[in-house]
Amino acid sequence: QVQLVESGGGLVQPGGSLRLSCAASGTIFSINTMDWYRQAPGKQREWVARIRSGGSTNYADSVKGRFTISRDNGKNTVYLQMNNLKPEDTAVYYCNKQPTTTWGQGTQVTVSS
């Protein structure tokens, strides 16, 4: 049974930074492609960033240049460093592997002054 536990969210002012973590268990983490997603109130969940087993990455246009995805295979953890946060980044952030499995509880990110 794969389990995904997101953490690191919080309230931050516009222009601030946060680092999200996602700890995975029950899977051979090192071979998984891992994604971050987010879901804002009243909107569908959207894809944010991807990191493959070899370390290559992709980003949604809306976060390119501000967010960085990384992974630590020794800790079975994927990270999302978020800089220069904007109010439109406010959402619940989730991670998942490819193919997707049961979603975790997510972590709330609120960007507001």
PDB file of N, CA and C in Angstrom:
ATOM      1  N   GLN A   1       0.849  -1.190   0.000  1.00  0.00           N
ATOM      2  CA  GLN A   1       0.000   0.000   0.000  1.00  0.00           C
ATOM      3  C   GLN A   1       0.883   1.238   0.000  1.00  0.00           C
ATOM      4  N   VAL A   2       0.751   2.036  -1.067  1.00  0.00           N
ATOM      5  CA  VAL A   2       1.543   3.261  -1.158  1.00  0.00           C
ATOM      6  C   VAL A   2       0.912   4.325  -0.268  1.00  0.00           C
ATOM      7  N   GLN A   3       1.754   4.999   0.481  1.00  0.00           N
ATOM      8  CA  GLN A   3       1.299   6.129   1.282  1.00  0.00           C
ATOM      9  C   GLN A   3       2.121   7.354   0.938  1.00  0.00           C
ATOM     10  N   LEU A   4       1.435   8.473   0.814  1.00  0.00           N
ATOM     11  CA  LEU A   4       2.073   9.756   0.501  1.00  0.00           C
ATOM     12  C   LEU A   4       1.673  10.756   1.579  1.00  0.00           C
ATOM     13  N   VAL A   5       2.654  11.389   2.190  1.00  0.00           N
ATOM     14  CA  VAL A   5       2.375  12.343   3.263  1.00  0.00           C
ATOM     15  C   VAL A   5       3.047  13.661   2.931  1.00  0.00           C
ATOM     16  N   GLU A   6       2.228  14.677   2.653  1.00  0.00           N
ATOM     17  CA  GLU A   6       2.732  16.001   2.324  1.00  0.00           C
ATOM     18  C   GLU A   6       2.825  16.853   3.578  1.00  0.00           C
ATOM     19  N   SER A   7       3.799  17.758   3.597  1.00  0.00           N
ATOM     20  CA  SER A   7       3.960  18.666   4.718  1.00  0.00           C
ATOM     21  C   SER A   7       4.696  19.915   4.260  1.00  0.00           C
ATOM     22  N   GLY A   8       4.716  20.928   5.129  1.00  0.00           N
ATOM     23  CA  GLY A   8       5.497  22.121   4.858  1.00  0.00           C
ATOM     24  C   GLY A   8       4.688  23.336   4.435  1.00  0.00           C
ATOM     25  N   GLY A   9       3.390  23.177   4.286  1.00  0.00           N
ATOM     26  CA  GLY A   9       2.564  24.314   3.889  1.00  0.00           C
ATOM     27  C   GLY A   9       2.413  25.320   5.013  1.00  0.00           C
ATOM     28  N   GLY A  10       1.749  26.430   4.690  1.00  0.00           N
ATOM     29  CA  GLY A  10       1.528  27.456   5.690  1.00  0.00           C
ATOM     30  C   GLY A  10       1.057  28.740   5.063  1.00  0.00           C
ATOM     31  N   LEU A  11       1.042  29.785   5.879  1.00  0.00           N
ATOM     32  CA  LEU A  11       0.653  31.129   5.435  1.00  0.00           C
ATOM     33  C   LEU A  11       1.914  31.939   5.177  1.00  0.00           C
ATOM     34  N   VAL A  12       2.002  32.540   4.020  1.00  0.00           N
ATOM     35  CA  VAL A  12       3.182  33.317   3.653  1.00  0.00           C
ATOM     36  C   VAL A  12       2.742  34.558   2.891  1.00  0.00           C
ATOM     37  N   GLN A  13       3.509  35.620   3.037  1.00  0.00           N
ATOM     38  CA  GLN A  13       3.200  36.850   2.318  1.00  0.00           C
ATOM     39  C   GLN A  13       3.623  36.744   0.851  1.00  0.00           C
ATOM     40  N   PRO A  14       2.988  37.509  -0.015  1.00  0.00           N
ATOM     41  CA  PRO A  14       3.439  37.532  -1.421  1.00  0.00           C
ATOM     42  C   PRO A  14       4.927  37.847  -1.504  1.00  0.00           C
ATOM     43  N   GLY A  15       5.604  37.120  -2.377  1.00  0.00           N
ATOM     44  CA  GLY A  15       7.049  37.260  -2.505  1.00  0.00           C
ATOM     45  C   GLY A  15       7.838  36.333  -1.614  1.00  0.00           C
ATOM     46  N   GLY A  16       7.158  35.670  -0.697  1.00  0.00           N
ATOM     47  CA  GLY A  16       7.832  34.767   0.230  1.00  0.00           C
ATOM     48  C   GLY A  16       8.111  33.404  -0.359  1.00  0.00           C
ATOM     49  N   SER A  17       8.661  32.530   0.479  1.00  0.00           N
ATOM     50  CA  SER A  17       9.058  31.187   0.047  1.00  0.00           C
ATOM     51  C   SER A  17       8.547  30.139   1.018  1.00  0.00           C
ATOM     52  N   LEU A  18       8.348  28.951   0.487  1.00  0.00           N
ATOM     53  CA  LEU A  18       8.023  27.774   1.286  1.00  0.00           C
ATOM     54  C   LEU A  18       8.686  26.568   0.634  1.00  0.00           C
ATOM     55  N   ARG A  19       8.972  25.564   1.449  1.00  0.00           N
ATOM     56  CA  ARG A  19       9.484  24.302   0.937  1.00  0.00           C
ATOM     57  C   ARG A  19       8.554  23.185   1.376  1.00  0.00           C
ATOM     58  N   LEU A  20       7.937  22.544   0.407  1.00  0.00           N
ATOM     59  CA  LEU A  20       7.045  21.423   0.693  1.00  0.00           C
ATOM     60  C   LEU A  20       7.819  20.114   0.609  1.00  0.00           C
ATOM     61  N   SER A  21       7.377  19.153   1.414  1.00  0.00           N
ATOM     62  CA  SER A  21       7.959  17.815   1.392  1.00  0.00           C
ATOM     63  C   SER A  21       6.861  16.788   1.178  1.00  0.00           C
ATOM     64  N   CYS A  22       7.225  15.693   0.557  1.00  0.00           N
ATOM     65  CA  CYS A  22       6.298  14.574   0.362  1.00  0.00           C
ATOM     66  C   CYS A  22       7.074  13.295   0.629  1.00  0.00           C
ATOM     67  N   ALA A  23       6.703  12.630   1.708  1.00  0.00           N
ATOM     68  CA  ALA A  23       7.338  11.368   2.073  1.00  0.00           C
ATOM     69  C   ALA A  23       6.508  10.211   1.543  1.00  0.00           C
ATOM     70  N   ALA A  24       7.166   9.302   0.827  1.00  0.00           N
ATOM     71  CA  ALA A  24       6.477   8.158   0.227  1.00  0.00           C
ATOM     72  C   ALA A  24       6.913   6.864   0.892  1.00  0.00           C
ATOM     73  N   SER A  25       5.969   5.951   1.030  1.00  0.00           N
ATOM     74  CA  SER A  25       6.281   4.625   1.537  1.00  0.00           C
ATOM     75  C   SER A  25       5.464   3.602   0.762  1.00  0.00           C
ATOM     76  N   GLY A  26       5.918   2.356   0.802  1.00  0.00           N
ATOM     77  CA  GLY A  26       5.188   1.297   0.124  1.00  0.00           C
ATOM     78  C   GLY A  26       5.435   1.230  -1.367  1.00  0.00           C
ATOM     79  N   THR A  27       6.491   1.880  -1.824  1.00  0.00           N
ATOM     80  CA  THR A  27       6.810   1.867  -3.242  1.00  0.00           C
ATOM     81  C   THR A  27       8.321   1.925  -3.405  1.00  0.00           C
ATOM     82  N   ILE A  28       8.799   1.468  -4.555  1.00  0.00           N
ATOM     83  CA  ILE A  28      10.238   1.584  -4.833  1.00  0.00           C
ATOM     84  C   ILE A  28      10.460   3.000  -5.336  1.00  0.00           C
ATOM     85  N   PHE A  29      10.653   3.906  -4.388  1.00  0.00           N
ATOM     86  CA  PHE A  29      10.613   5.338  -4.665  1.00  0.00           C
ATOM     87  C   PHE A  29      11.604   5.742  -5.746  1.00  0.00           C
ATOM     88  N   SER A  30      12.779   5.164  -5.729  1.00  0.00           N
ATOM     89  CA  SER A  30      13.852   5.639  -6.608  1.00  0.00           C
ATOM     90  C   SER A  30      13.529   5.482  -8.089  1.00  0.00           C
ATOM     91  N   ILE A  31      12.607   4.583  -8.434  1.00  0.00           N
ATOM     92  CA  ILE A  31      12.289   4.389  -9.847  1.00  0.00           C
ATOM     93  C   ILE A  31      11.041   5.140 -10.272  1.00  0.00           C
ATOM     94  N   ASN A  32      10.386   5.776  -9.311  1.00  0.00           N
ATOM     95  CA  ASN A  32       9.128   6.448  -9.623  1.00  0.00           C
ATOM     96  C   ASN A  32       9.352   7.845 -10.184  1.00  0.00           C
ATOM     97  N   THR A  33       8.577   8.182 -11.214  1.00  0.00           N
ATOM     98  CA  THR A  33       8.391   9.575 -11.567  1.00  0.00           C
ATOM     99  C   THR A  33       7.421  10.161 -10.549  1.00  0.00           C
ATOM    100  N   MET A  34       7.778  11.324 -10.001  1.00  0.00           N
ATOM    101  CA  MET A  34       6.962  11.962  -8.973  1.00  0.00           C
ATOM    102  C   MET A  34       6.478  13.325  -9.453  1.00  0.00           C
ATOM    103  N   ASP A  35       5.243  13.635  -9.125  1.00  0.00           N
ATOM    104  CA  ASP A  35       4.620  14.896  -9.518  1.00  0.00           C
ATOM    105  C   ASP A  35       4.105  15.654  -8.297  1.00  0.00           C
ATOM    106  N   TRP A  36       4.078  16.960  -8.422  1.00  0.00           N
ATOM    107  CA  TRP A  36       3.331  17.824  -7.504  1.00  0.00           C
ATOM    108  C   TRP A  36       2.122  18.376  -8.259  1.00  0.00           C
ATOM    109  N   TYR A  37       0.998  18.431  -7.549  1.00  0.00           N
ATOM    110  CA  TYR A  37      -0.230  18.999  -8.065  1.00  0.00           C
ATOM    111  C   TYR A  37      -0.739  20.022  -7.047  1.00  0.00           C
ATOM    112  N   ARG A  38      -1.718  20.806  -7.457  1.00  0.00           N
ATOM    113  CA  ARG A  38      -2.371  21.704  -6.509  1.00  0.00           C
ATOM    114  C   ARG A  38      -3.836  21.871  -6.898  1.00  0.00           C
ATOM    115  N   GLN A  39      -4.645  22.182  -5.888  1.00  0.00           N
ATOM    116  CA  GLN A  39      -6.065  22.412  -6.114  1.00  0.00           C
ATOM    117  C   GLN A  39      -6.500  23.633  -5.326  1.00  0.00           C
ATOM    118  N   ALA A  40      -6.870  24.668  -6.069  1.00  0.00           N
ATOM    119  CA  ALA A  40      -7.362  25.892  -5.458  1.00  0.00           C
ATOM    120  C   ALA A  40      -8.863  25.749  -5.200  1.00  0.00           C
ATOM    121  N   PRO A  41      -9.393  26.542  -4.280  1.00  0.00           N
ATOM    122  CA  PRO A  41     -10.826  26.464  -3.967  1.00  0.00           C
ATOM    123  C   PRO A  41     -11.681  26.657  -5.214  1.00  0.00           C
ATOM    124  N   GLY A  42     -12.606  25.739  -5.442  1.00  0.00           N
ATOM    125  CA  GLY A  42     -13.519  25.858  -6.565  1.00  0.00           C
ATOM    126  C   GLY A  42     -12.914  25.511  -7.915  1.00  0.00           C
ATOM    127  N   LYS A  43     -11.689  25.018  -7.922  1.00  0.00           N
ATOM    128  CA  LYS A  43     -11.026  24.686  -9.186  1.00  0.00           C
ATOM    129  C   LYS A  43     -10.612  23.220  -9.204  1.00  0.00           C
ATOM    130  N   GLN A  44     -10.342  22.737 -10.411  1.00  0.00           N
ATOM    131  CA  GLN A  44      -9.867  21.370 -10.545  1.00  0.00           C
ATOM    132  C   GLN A  44      -8.401  21.278 -10.140  1.00  0.00           C
ATOM    133  N   ARG A  45      -8.021  20.085  -9.731  1.00  0.00           N
ATOM    134  CA  ARG A  45      -6.618  19.841  -9.424  1.00  0.00           C
ATOM    135  C   ARG A  45      -5.790  20.026 -10.688  1.00  0.00           C
ATOM    136  N   GLU A  46      -4.648  20.708 -10.545  1.00  0.00           N
ATOM    137  CA  GLU A  46      -3.789  20.947 -11.700  1.00  0.00           C
ATOM    138  C   GLU A  46      -2.371  20.466 -11.416  1.00  0.00           C
ATOM    139  N   TRP A  47      -1.722  20.036 -12.446  1.00  0.00           N
ATOM    140  CA  TRP A  47      -0.337  19.568 -12.351  1.00  0.00           C
ATOM    141  C   TRP A  47       0.600  20.756 -12.230  1.00  0.00           C
ATOM    142  N   VAL A  48       1.628  20.612 -11.396  1.00  0.00           N
ATOM    143  CA  VAL A  48       2.556  21.710 -11.130  1.00  0.00           C
ATOM    144  C   VAL A  48       3.976  21.390 -11.607  1.00  0.00           C
ATOM    145  N   ALA A  49       4.481  20.215 -11.238  1.00  0.00           N
ATOM    146  CA  ALA A  49       5.881  19.907 -11.542  1.00  0.00           C
ATOM    147  C   ALA A  49       6.088  18.403 -11.531  1.00  0.00           C
ATOM    148  N   ARG A  50       7.134  17.972 -12.234  1.00  0.00           N
ATOM    149  CA  ARG A  50       7.477  16.550 -12.346  1.00  0.00           C
ATOM    150  C   ARG A  50       8.984  16.372 -12.225  1.00  0.00           C
ATOM    151  N   ILE A  51       9.363  15.273 -11.569  1.00  0.00           N
ATOM    152  CA  ILE A  51      10.766  14.857 -11.548  1.00  0.00           C
ATOM    153  C   ILE A  51      10.821  13.365 -11.830  1.00  0.00           C
ATOM    154  N   ARG A  52      11.660  12.982 -12.775  1.00  0.00           N
ATOM    155  CA  ARG A  52      11.791  11.591 -13.159  1.00  0.00           C
ATOM    156  C   ARG A  52      12.878  10.913 -12.340  1.00  0.00           C
ATOM    157  N   SER A  53      12.978   9.603 -12.490  1.00  0.00           N
ATOM    158  CA  SER A  53      13.955   8.865 -11.699  1.00  0.00           C
ATOM    159  C   SER A  53      15.374   9.337 -11.978  1.00  0.00           C
ATOM    160  N   GLY A  54      15.636   9.766 -13.190  1.00  0.00           N
ATOM    161  CA  GLY A  54      16.969  10.218 -13.531  1.00  0.00           C
ATOM    162  C   GLY A  54      17.246  11.658 -13.141  1.00  0.00           C
ATOM    163  N   GLY A  55      16.216  12.352 -12.658  1.00  0.00           N
ATOM    164  CA  GLY A  55      16.407  13.716 -12.174  1.00  0.00           C
ATOM    165  C   GLY A  55      15.921  14.806 -13.112  1.00  0.00           C
ATOM    166  N   SER A  56      15.505  14.443 -14.324  1.00  0.00           N
ATOM    167  CA  SER A  56      15.006  15.481 -15.223  1.00  0.00           C
ATOM    168  C   SER A  56      13.674  16.013 -14.706  1.00  0.00           C
ATOM    169  N   THR A  57      13.413  17.275 -15.010  1.00  0.00           N
ATOM    170  CA  THR A  57      12.241  17.950 -14.442  1.00  0.00           C
ATOM    171  C   THR A  57      11.434  18.685 -15.509  1.00  0.00           C
ATOM    172  N   ASN A  58      10.172  18.904 -15.184  1.00  0.00           N
ATOM    173  CA  ASN A  58       9.290  19.724 -16.006  1.00  0.00           C
ATOM    174  C   ASN A  58       8.400  20.541 -15.079  1.00  0.00           C
ATOM    175  N   TYR A  59       7.970  21.703 -15.568  1.00  0.00           N
ATOM    176  CA  TYR A  59       7.144  22.595 -14.755  1.00  0.00           C
ATOM    177  C   TYR A  59       5.984  23.161 -15.569  1.00  0.00           C
ATOM    178  N   ALA A  60       4.894  23.432 -14.866  1.00  0.00           N
ATOM    179  CA  ALA A  60       3.812  24.176 -15.487  1.00  0.00           C
ATOM    180  C   ALA A  60       4.305  25.598 -15.763  1.00  0.00           C
ATOM    181  N   ASP A  61       3.785  26.192 -16.825  1.00  0.00           N
ATOM    182  CA  ASP A  61       4.226  27.537 -17.182  1.00  0.00           C
ATOM    183  C   ASP A  61       4.003  28.535 -16.046  1.00  0.00           C
ATOM    184  N   SER A  62       2.957  28.317 -15.283  1.00  0.00           N
ATOM    185  CA  SER A  62       2.601  29.266 -14.226  1.00  0.00           C
ATOM    186  C   SER A  62       3.607  29.312 -13.080  1.00  0.00           C
ATOM    187  N   VAL A  63       4.441  28.286 -12.955  1.00  0.00           N
ATOM    188  CA  VAL A  63       5.399  28.245 -11.841  1.00  0.00           C
ATOM    189  C   VAL A  63       6.851  28.207 -12.318  1.00  0.00           C
ATOM    190  N   LYS A  64       7.056  28.111 -13.616  1.00  0.00           N
ATOM    191  CA  LYS A  64       8.409  28.000 -14.166  1.00  0.00           C
ATOM    192  C   LYS A  64       9.249  29.205 -13.740  1.00  0.00           C
ATOM    193  N   GLY A  65      10.451  28.934 -13.258  1.00  0.00           N
ATOM    194  CA  GLY A  65      11.341  29.995 -12.812  1.00  0.00           C
ATOM    195  C   GLY A  65      11.156  30.380 -11.351  1.00  0.00           C
ATOM    196  N   ARG A  66      10.074  29.903 -10.734  1.00  0.00           N
ATOM    197  CA  ARG A  66       9.814  30.225  -9.315  1.00  0.00           C
ATOM    198  C   ARG A  66       9.844  28.989  -8.431  1.00  0.00           C
ATOM    199  N   PHE A  67       9.427  27.852  -8.961  1.00  0.00           N
ATOM    200  CA  PHE A  67       9.366  26.605  -8.194  1.00  0.00           C
ATOM    201  C   PHE A  67      10.469  25.661  -8.670  1.00  0.00           C
ATOM    202  N   THR A  68      10.983  24.862  -7.739  1.00  0.00           N
ATOM    203  CA  THR A  68      11.986  23.855  -8.061  1.00  0.00           C
ATOM    204  C   THR A  68      11.618  22.545  -7.384  1.00  0.00           C
ATOM    205  N   ILE A  69      11.511  21.486  -8.176  1.00  0.00           N
ATOM    206  CA  ILE A  69      11.232  20.156  -7.642  1.00  0.00           C
ATOM    207  C   ILE A  69      12.547  19.406  -7.508  1.00  0.00           C
ATOM    208  N   SER A  70      12.677  18.644  -6.438  1.00  0.00           N
ATOM    209  CA  SER A  70      13.883  17.841  -6.227  1.00  0.00           C
ATOM    210  C   SER A  70      13.489  16.584  -5.454  1.00  0.00           C
ATOM    211  N   ARG A  71      14.440  15.666  -5.349  1.00  0.00           N
ATOM    212  CA  ARG A  71      14.135  14.425  -4.647  1.00  0.00           C
ATOM    213  C   ARG A  71      15.356  13.926  -3.887  1.00  0.00           C
ATOM    214  N   ASP A  72      15.090  13.185  -2.827  1.00  0.00           N
ATOM    215  CA  ASP A  72      16.134  12.519  -2.056  1.00  0.00           C
ATOM    216  C   ASP A  72      15.723  11.055  -1.963  1.00  0.00           C
ATOM    217  N   ASN A  73      16.309  10.229  -2.814  1.00  0.00           N
ATOM    218  CA  ASN A  73      15.905   8.824  -2.856  1.00  0.00           C
ATOM    219  C   ASN A  73      16.248   8.090  -1.558  1.00  0.00           C
ATOM    220  N   GLY A  74      17.282   8.545  -0.872  1.00  0.00           N
ATOM    221  CA  GLY A  74      17.635   7.919   0.395  1.00  0.00           C
ATOM    222  C   GLY A  74      16.588   8.130   1.474  1.00  0.00           C
ATOM    223  N   LYS A  75      15.822   9.214   1.327  1.00  0.00           N
ATOM    224  CA  LYS A  75      14.772   9.530   2.301  1.00  0.00           C
ATOM    225  C   LYS A  75      13.377   9.288   1.733  1.00  0.00           C
ATOM    226  N   ASN A  76      13.301   8.742   0.519  1.00  0.00           N
ATOM    227  CA  ASN A  76      11.998   8.512  -0.125  1.00  0.00           C
ATOM    228  C   ASN A  76      11.137   9.766  -0.100  1.00  0.00           C
ATOM    229  N   THR A  77      11.740  10.892  -0.402  1.00  0.00           N
ATOM    230  CA  THR A  77      11.059  12.179  -0.267  1.00  0.00           C
ATOM    231  C   THR A  77      11.271  13.022  -1.513  1.00  0.00           C
ATOM    232  N   VAL A  78      10.212  13.691  -1.919  1.00  0.00           N
ATOM    233  CA  VAL A  78      10.283  14.661  -2.996  1.00  0.00           C
ATOM    234  C   VAL A  78       9.932  16.026  -2.404  1.00  0.00           C
ATOM    235  N   TYR A  79      10.595  17.057  -2.910  1.00  0.00           N
ATOM    236  CA  TYR A  79      10.445  18.412  -2.373  1.00  0.00           C
ATOM    237  C   TYR A  79       9.932  19.358  -3.449  1.00  0.00           C
ATOM    238  N   LEU A  80       9.320  20.444  -3.003  1.00  0.00           N
ATOM    239  CA  LEU A  80       8.951  21.526  -3.913  1.00  0.00           C
ATOM    240  C   LEU A  80       9.346  22.833  -3.240  1.00  0.00           C
ATOM    241  N   GLN A  81      10.416  23.432  -3.734  1.00  0.00           N
ATOM    242  CA  GLN A  81      10.849  24.742  -3.252  1.00  0.00           C
ATOM    243  C   GLN A  81      10.075  25.794  -4.021  1.00  0.00           C
ATOM    244  N   MET A  82       9.343  26.623  -3.309  1.00  0.00           N
ATOM    245  CA  MET A  82       8.494  27.629  -3.934  1.00  0.00           C
ATOM    246  C   MET A  82       8.987  29.013  -3.531  1.00  0.00           C
ATOM    247  N   ASN A  83       9.430  29.783  -4.494  1.00  0.00           N
ATOM    248  CA  ASN A  83       9.927  31.135  -4.253  1.00  0.00           C
ATOM    249  C   ASN A  83       9.031  32.148  -4.949  1.00  0.00           C
ATOM    250  N   ASN A  84       9.147  33.397  -4.510  1.00  0.00           N
ATOM    251  CA  ASN A  84       8.373  34.486  -5.114  1.00  0.00           C
ATOM    252  C   ASN A  84       6.893  34.100  -5.220  1.00  0.00           C
ATOM    253  N   LEU A  85       6.345  33.645  -4.117  1.00  0.00           N
ATOM    254  CA  LEU A  85       4.971  33.160  -4.125  1.00  0.00           C
ATOM    255  C   LEU A  85       3.987  34.290  -4.398  1.00  0.00           C
ATOM    256  N   LYS A  86       2.912  33.937  -5.083  1.00  0.00           N
ATOM    257  CA  LYS A  86       1.870  34.892  -5.460  1.00  0.00           C
ATOM    258  C   LYS A  86       0.528  34.440  -4.862  1.00  0.00           C
ATOM    259  N   PRO A  87      -0.405  35.344  -4.693  1.00  0.00           N
ATOM    260  CA  PRO A  87      -1.721  34.939  -4.155  1.00  0.00           C
ATOM    261  C   PRO A  87      -2.363  33.825  -4.974  1.00  0.00           C
ATOM    262  N   GLU A  88      -2.124  33.807  -6.267  1.00  0.00           N
ATOM    263  CA  GLU A  88      -2.720  32.762  -7.107  1.00  0.00           C
ATOM    264  C   GLU A  88      -2.084  31.392  -6.904  1.00  0.00           C
ATOM    265  N   ASP A  89      -1.038  31.312  -6.110  1.00  0.00           N
ATOM    266  CA  ASP A  89      -0.454  30.019  -5.751  1.00  0.00           C
ATOM    267  C   ASP A  89      -1.191  29.377  -4.570  1.00  0.00           C
ATOM    268  N   THR A  90      -2.117  30.097  -3.982  1.00  0.00           N
ATOM    269  CA  THR A  90      -2.890  29.563  -2.863  1.00  0.00           C
ATOM    270  C   THR A  90      -3.667  28.330  -3.295  1.00  0.00           C
ATOM    271  N   ALA A  91      -3.445  27.230  -2.599  1.00  0.00           N
ATOM    272  CA  ALA A  91      -4.069  25.954  -2.964  1.00  0.00           C
ATOM    273  C   ALA A  91      -3.650  24.901  -1.943  1.00  0.00           C
ATOM    274  N   VAL A  92      -4.294  23.748  -2.036  1.00  0.00           N
ATOM    275  CA  VAL A  92      -3.812  22.557  -1.349  1.00  0.00           C
ATOM    276  C   VAL A  92      -2.882  21.840  -2.325  1.00  0.00           C
ATOM    277  N   TYR A  93      -1.685  21.536  -1.851  1.00  0.00           N
ATOM    278  CA  TYR A  93      -0.671  20.912  -2.688  1.00  0.00           C
ATOM    279  C   TYR A  93      -0.571  19.424  -2.359  1.00  0.00           C
ATOM    280  N   TYR A  94      -0.510  18.621  -3.416  1.00  0.00           N
ATOM    281  CA  TYR A  94      -0.436  17.176  -3.302  1.00  0.00           C
ATOM    282  C   TYR A  94       0.741  16.648  -4.120  1.00  0.00           C
ATOM    283  N   CYS A  95       1.267  15.524  -3.705  1.00  0.00           N
ATOM    284  CA  CYS A  95       2.217  14.821  -4.547  1.00  0.00           C
ATOM    285  C   CYS A  95       1.606  13.490  -4.949  1.00  0.00           C
ATOM    286  N   ASN A  96       2.137  12.916  -6.009  1.00  0.00           N
ATOM    287  CA  ASN A  96       1.750  11.576  -6.409  1.00  0.00           C
ATOM    288  C   ASN A  96       2.821  11.036  -7.327  1.00  0.00           C
ATOM    289  N   LYS A  97       2.763   9.731  -7.522  1.00  0.00           N
ATOM    290  CA  LYS A  97       3.702   9.084  -8.420  1.00  0.00           C
ATOM    291  C   LYS A  97       2.993   8.852  -9.740  1.00  0.00           C
ATOM    292  N   GLN A  98       3.782   8.377 -10.721  1.00  0.00           N
ATOM    293  CA  GLN A  98       3.226   7.946 -11.992  1.00  0.00           C
ATOM    294  C   GLN A  98       3.391   6.435 -12.122  1.00  0.00           C
ATOM    295  N   PRO A  99       2.331   5.700 -12.437  1.00  0.00           N
ATOM    296  CA  PRO A  99       0.940   6.122 -12.475  1.00  0.00           C
ATOM    297  C   PRO A  99       0.458   6.496 -11.076  1.00  0.00           C
ATOM    298  N   THR A 100      -0.618   7.289 -11.038  1.00  0.00           N
ATOM    299  CA  THR A 100      -1.068   7.815  -9.751  1.00  0.00           C
ATOM    300  C   THR A 100      -1.632   6.709  -8.865  1.00  0.00           C
ATOM    301  N   THR A 101      -1.541   6.958  -7.578  1.00  0.00           N
ATOM    302  CA  THR A 101      -2.064   6.065  -6.572  1.00  0.00           C
ATOM    303  C   THR A 101      -2.973   6.867  -5.644  1.00  0.00           C
ATOM    304  N   THR A 102      -3.338   6.284  -4.521  1.00  0.00           N
ATOM    305  CA  THR A 102      -4.221   6.975  -3.582  1.00  0.00           C
ATOM    306  C   THR A 102      -3.602   8.301  -3.156  1.00  0.00           C
ATOM    307  N   TRP A 103      -4.409   9.364  -3.189  1.00  0.00           N
ATOM    308  CA  TRP A 103      -3.914  10.691  -2.849  1.00  0.00           C
ATOM    309  C   TRP A 103      -3.736  10.825  -1.341  1.00  0.00           C
ATOM    310  N   GLY A 104      -2.739  11.597  -0.943  1.00  0.00           N
ATOM    311  CA  GLY A 104      -2.553  11.938   0.458  1.00  0.00           C
ATOM    312  C   GLY A 104      -3.502  13.056   0.867  1.00  0.00           C
ATOM    313  N   GLN A 105      -3.270  13.594   2.049  1.00  0.00           N
ATOM    314  CA  GLN A 105      -4.169  14.632   2.571  1.00  0.00           C
ATOM    315  C   GLN A 105      -3.814  16.013   2.025  1.00  0.00           C
ATOM    316  N   GLY A 106      -2.644  16.143   1.446  1.00  0.00           N
ATOM    317  CA  GLY A 106      -2.214  17.434   0.917  1.00  0.00           C
ATOM    318  C   GLY A 106      -1.741  18.363   2.024  1.00  0.00           C
ATOM    319  N   THR A 107      -1.179  19.486   1.612  1.00  0.00           N
ATOM    320  CA  THR A 107      -0.727  20.510   2.548  1.00  0.00           C
ATOM    321  C   THR A 107      -1.180  21.870   2.021  1.00  0.00           C
ATOM    322  N   GLN A 108      -1.784  22.670   2.895  1.00  0.00           N
ATOM    323  CA  GLN A 108      -2.366  23.950   2.488  1.00  0.00           C
ATOM    324  C   GLN A 108      -1.291  25.030   2.386  1.00  0.00           C
ATOM    325  N   VAL A 109      -1.293  25.718   1.269  1.00  0.00           N
ATOM    326  CA  VAL A 109      -0.433  26.886   1.066  1.00  0.00           C
ATOM    327  C   VAL A 109      -1.339  28.090   0.843  1.00  0.00           C
ATOM    328  N   THR A 110      -1.157  29.101   1.680  1.00  0.00           N
ATOM    329  CA  THR A 110      -1.942  30.326   1.557  1.00  0.00           C
ATOM    330  C   THR A 110      -0.983  31.498   1.415  1.00  0.00           C
ATOM    331  N   VAL A 111      -1.136  32.235   0.320  1.00  0.00           N
ATOM    332  CA  VAL A 111      -0.290  33.394   0.053  1.00  0.00           C
ATOM    333  C   VAL A 111      -1.168  34.637   0.169  1.00  0.00           C
ATOM    334  N   SER A 112      -0.911  35.398   1.213  1.00  0.00           N
ATOM    335  CA  SER A 112      -1.759  36.558   1.487  1.00  0.00           C
ATOM    336  C   SER A 112      -1.011  37.547   2.362  1.00  0.00           C
ATOM    337  N   SER A 113      -1.309  38.812   2.148  1.00  0.00           N
ATOM    338  CA  SER A 113      -0.730  39.850   3.000  1.00  0.00           C
ATOM    339  C   SER A 113      -1.670  40.168   4.152  1.00  0.00           C
TER     340      SER A 113
END
